[in-house]
Amino acid sequence: MTTKALAIINQGPKRYEFSTSFDGVRYFLTFQYNYRNDTWYLDINDSERNPILIGLAVLTNTHLMTSRFGIDDFLLLGEILIADINDGGLDPSYENFGDEVSAFYTSIIS
């Protein structure tokens, strides 16, 4: 099992979009911030930018964030986790996402 940090760089935008590879498969991830409810949301798209999962609330300590949707034919084998790196249990906010709270991918493939 391996863990990889996702490229969240807190520079003030309310949207982060980047491509990454999970277990040899390319995905496009978009993290968008909603001011109204002070929550980040995640969209996962395939390599051709076709939507796979849209509008997942990005919350700390939520296990099985993506696999709970049961679309294994289209989705990664591991899991995207959100963690407060100071172990304070903070959810990502506009100010702390990418700094105190980060996103990680944990693969089930060795």
C-alpha atoms as a PDB file:
ATOM      1  CA  MET A   1       0.000   0.000   0.000  1.00  0.00           C
ATOM      2  CA  THR A   2       1.396   3.421  -0.967  1.00  0.00           C
ATOM      3  CA  THR A   3       0.254   6.965  -0.228  1.00  0.00           C
ATOM      4  CA  LYS A   4       0.782   9.988  -2.446  1.00  0.00           C
ATOM      5  CA  ALA A   5       0.094  13.638  -1.577  1.00  0.00           C
ATOM      6  CA  LEU A   6      -2.031  15.508  -4.108  1.00  0.00           C
ATOM      7  CA  ALA A   7      -0.817  18.826  -5.502  1.00  0.00           C
ATOM      8  CA  ILE A   8      -2.953  21.233  -3.481  1.00  0.00           C
ATOM      9  CA  ILE A   9      -1.110  24.554  -3.280  1.00  0.00           C
ATOM     10  CA  ASN A  10      -2.939  27.183  -1.255  1.00  0.00           C
ATOM     11  CA  GLN A  11      -2.429  30.353  -3.278  1.00  0.00           C
ATOM     12  CA  GLY A  12      -5.857  31.799  -2.713  1.00  0.00           C
ATOM     13  CA  PRO A  13      -7.865  30.610  -5.723  1.00  0.00           C
ATOM     14  CA  LYS A  14     -11.227  29.027  -5.133  1.00  0.00           C
ATOM     15  CA  ARG A  15     -10.500  26.360  -7.743  1.00  0.00           C
ATOM     16  CA  TYR A  16      -7.623  23.905  -8.231  1.00  0.00           C
ATOM     17  CA  GLU A  17      -7.522  21.780 -11.362  1.00  0.00           C
ATOM     18  CA  PHE A  18      -4.775  19.344 -12.274  1.00  0.00           C
ATOM     19  CA  SER A  19      -4.114  15.942 -13.775  1.00  0.00           C
ATOM     20  CA  THR A  20      -2.607  13.085 -11.845  1.00  0.00           C
ATOM     21  CA  SER A  21      -2.035   9.393 -12.223  1.00  0.00           C
ATOM     22  CA  PHE A  22      -3.459   6.850  -9.787  1.00  0.00           C
ATOM     23  CA  ASP A  23      -2.253   3.273 -10.188  1.00  0.00           C
ATOM     24  CA  GLY A  24      -1.150   3.975 -13.760  1.00  0.00           C
ATOM     25  CA  VAL A  25      -4.438   5.604 -14.849  1.00  0.00           C
ATOM     26  CA  ARG A  26      -4.657   9.352 -15.601  1.00  0.00           C
ATOM     27  CA  TYR A  27      -7.415  11.443 -13.989  1.00  0.00           C
ATOM     28  CA  PHE A  28      -8.278  15.151 -13.936  1.00  0.00           C
ATOM     29  CA  LEU A  29      -9.225  16.455 -10.504  1.00  0.00           C
ATOM     30  CA  THR A  30     -10.979  19.725  -9.739  1.00  0.00           C
ATOM     31  CA  PHE A  31     -11.327  21.072  -6.215  1.00  0.00           C
ATOM     32  CA  GLN A  32     -13.806  23.973  -6.020  1.00  0.00           C
ATOM     33  CA  TYR A  33     -14.628  26.119  -3.012  1.00  0.00           C
ATOM     34  CA  ASN A  34     -18.206  27.125  -2.159  1.00  0.00           C
ATOM     35  CA  TYR A  35     -18.291  30.284  -0.036  1.00  0.00           C
ATOM     36  CA  ARG A  36     -21.927  29.845   0.895  1.00  0.00           C
ATOM     37  CA  ASN A  37     -21.326  26.712   2.974  1.00  0.00           C
ATOM     38  CA  ASP A  38     -17.544  27.039   3.492  1.00  0.00           C
ATOM     39  CA  THR A  39     -16.857  23.682   1.821  1.00  0.00           C
ATOM     40  CA  TRP A  40     -14.523  22.400  -0.879  1.00  0.00           C
ATOM     41  CA  TYR A  41     -15.949  19.998  -3.482  1.00  0.00           C
ATOM     42  CA  LEU A  42     -14.144  17.458  -5.649  1.00  0.00           C
ATOM     43  CA  ASP A  43     -14.877  16.506  -9.261  1.00  0.00           C
ATOM     44  CA  ILE A  44     -13.103  13.472 -10.753  1.00  0.00           C
ATOM     45  CA  ASN A  45     -12.851  13.189 -14.535  1.00  0.00           C
ATOM     46  CA  ASP A  46     -11.230  10.548 -16.716  1.00  0.00           C
ATOM     47  CA  SER A  47      -8.276  11.214 -19.015  1.00  0.00           C
ATOM     48  CA  GLU A  48     -10.593  12.685 -21.657  1.00  0.00           C
ATOM     49  CA  ARG A  49     -12.238  14.930 -19.043  1.00  0.00           C
ATOM     50  CA  ASN A  50     -15.464  12.943 -18.982  1.00  0.00           C
ATOM     51  CA  PRO A  51     -17.085  13.212 -15.538  1.00  0.00           C
ATOM     52  CA  ILE A  52     -16.843  10.218 -13.221  1.00  0.00           C
ATOM     53  CA  LEU A  53     -17.865  11.738  -9.866  1.00  0.00           C
ATOM     54  CA  ILE A  54     -18.995  15.338  -9.472  1.00  0.00           C
ATOM     55  CA  GLY A  55     -19.547  17.429  -6.363  1.00  0.00           C
ATOM     56  CA  LEU A  56     -18.089  15.251  -3.588  1.00  0.00           C
ATOM     57  CA  ALA A  57     -17.836  17.254  -0.365  1.00  0.00           C
ATOM     58  CA  VAL A  58     -14.203  17.322   0.754  1.00  0.00           C
ATOM     59  CA  LEU A  59     -14.275  16.486   4.458  1.00  0.00           C
ATOM     60  CA  THR A  60     -11.596  15.339   6.878  1.00  0.00           C
ATOM     61  CA  ASN A  61     -11.665  11.796   8.268  1.00  0.00           C
ATOM     62  CA  THR A  62     -14.248  10.583   5.767  1.00  0.00           C
ATOM     63  CA  HIS A  63     -13.233   7.037   4.970  1.00  0.00           C
ATOM     64  CA  LEU A  64     -14.068   5.490   1.631  1.00  0.00           C
ATOM     65  CA  MET A  65     -14.784   8.908   0.128  1.00  0.00           C
ATOM     66  CA  THR A  66     -14.884   7.716  -3.478  1.00  0.00           C
ATOM     67  CA  SER A  67     -15.390   3.947  -3.309  1.00  0.00           C
ATOM     68  CA  ARG A  68     -18.705   4.298  -1.477  1.00  0.00           C
ATOM     69  CA  PHE A  69     -20.319   5.140  -4.818  1.00  0.00           C
ATOM     70  CA  GLY A  70     -19.823   1.622  -6.193  1.00  0.00           C
ATOM     71  CA  ILE A  71     -18.690   2.428  -9.703  1.00  0.00           C
ATOM     72  CA  ASP A  72     -15.556   0.336  -9.630  1.00  0.00           C
ATOM     73  CA  ASP A  73     -15.510  -0.142 -13.413  1.00  0.00           C
ATOM     74  CA  PHE A  74     -14.707   3.547 -13.798  1.00  0.00           C
ATOM     75  CA  LEU A  75     -12.887   4.502 -10.645  1.00  0.00           C
ATOM     76  CA  LEU A  76      -9.538   4.153  -9.018  1.00  0.00           C
ATOM     77  CA  LEU A  77      -8.597   1.160  -6.952  1.00  0.00           C
ATOM     78  CA  GLY A  78      -7.438   3.111  -3.935  1.00  0.00           C
ATOM     79  CA  GLU A  79      -8.930   5.977  -1.985  1.00  0.00           C
ATOM     80  CA  ILE A  80      -8.707   9.756  -1.787  1.00  0.00           C
ATOM     81  CA  LEU A  81      -8.402  10.872   1.817  1.00  0.00           C
ATOM     82  CA  ILE A  82      -8.463  14.339   3.351  1.00  0.00           C
ATOM     83  CA  ALA A  83      -6.377  14.779   6.496  1.00  0.00           C
ATOM     84  CA  ASP A  84      -5.536  17.516   8.963  1.00  0.00           C
ATOM     85  CA  ILE A  85      -1.767  17.067   9.107  1.00  0.00           C
ATOM     86  CA  ASN A  86      -1.693  18.501  12.647  1.00  0.00           C
ATOM     87  CA  ASP A  87      -4.210  15.860  13.775  1.00  0.00           C
ATOM     88  CA  GLY A  88      -6.692  18.510  14.900  1.00  0.00           C
ATOM     89  CA  GLY A  89      -9.616  17.145  12.889  1.00  0.00           C
ATOM     90  CA  LEU A  90     -10.103  20.365  10.888  1.00  0.00           C
ATOM     91  CA  ASP A  91     -12.114  20.223   7.673  1.00  0.00           C
ATOM     92  CA  PRO A  92     -10.530  22.082   4.760  1.00  0.00           C
ATOM     93  CA  SER A  93     -11.411  25.768   4.697  1.00  0.00           C
ATOM     94  CA  TYR A  94     -10.582  28.450   2.161  1.00  0.00           C
ATOM     95  CA  GLU A  95      -7.503  29.396   4.194  1.00  0.00           C
ATOM     96  CA  ASN A  96      -6.132  26.012   5.322  1.00  0.00           C
ATOM     97  CA  PHE A  97      -6.640  23.667   2.345  1.00  0.00           C
ATOM     98  CA  GLY A  98      -3.214  22.709   1.049  1.00  0.00           C
ATOM     99  CA  ASP A  99      -1.502  23.927   4.204  1.00  0.00           C
ATOM    100  CA  GLU A 100      -2.886  22.433   7.431  1.00  0.00           C
ATOM    101  CA  VAL A 101      -5.340  20.159   5.614  1.00  0.00           C
ATOM    102  CA  SER A 102      -4.165  18.162   2.601  1.00  0.00           C
ATOM    103  CA  ALA A 103      -5.439  15.551   0.161  1.00  0.00           C
ATOM    104  CA  PHE A 104      -3.819  12.143  -0.308  1.00  0.00           C
ATOM    105  CA  TYR A 105      -4.327   9.098  -2.518  1.00  0.00           C
ATOM    106  CA  THR A 106      -3.797   5.714  -0.891  1.00  0.00           C
ATOM    107  CA  SER A 107      -3.343   2.870  -3.335  1.00  0.00           C
ATOM    108  CA  ILE A 108      -4.235  -0.729  -2.606  1.00  0.00           C
ATOM    109  CA  ILE A 109      -1.645  -1.815  -5.168  1.00  0.00           C
ATOM    110  CA  SER A 110       1.845  -2.393  -3.771  1.00  0.00           C
END
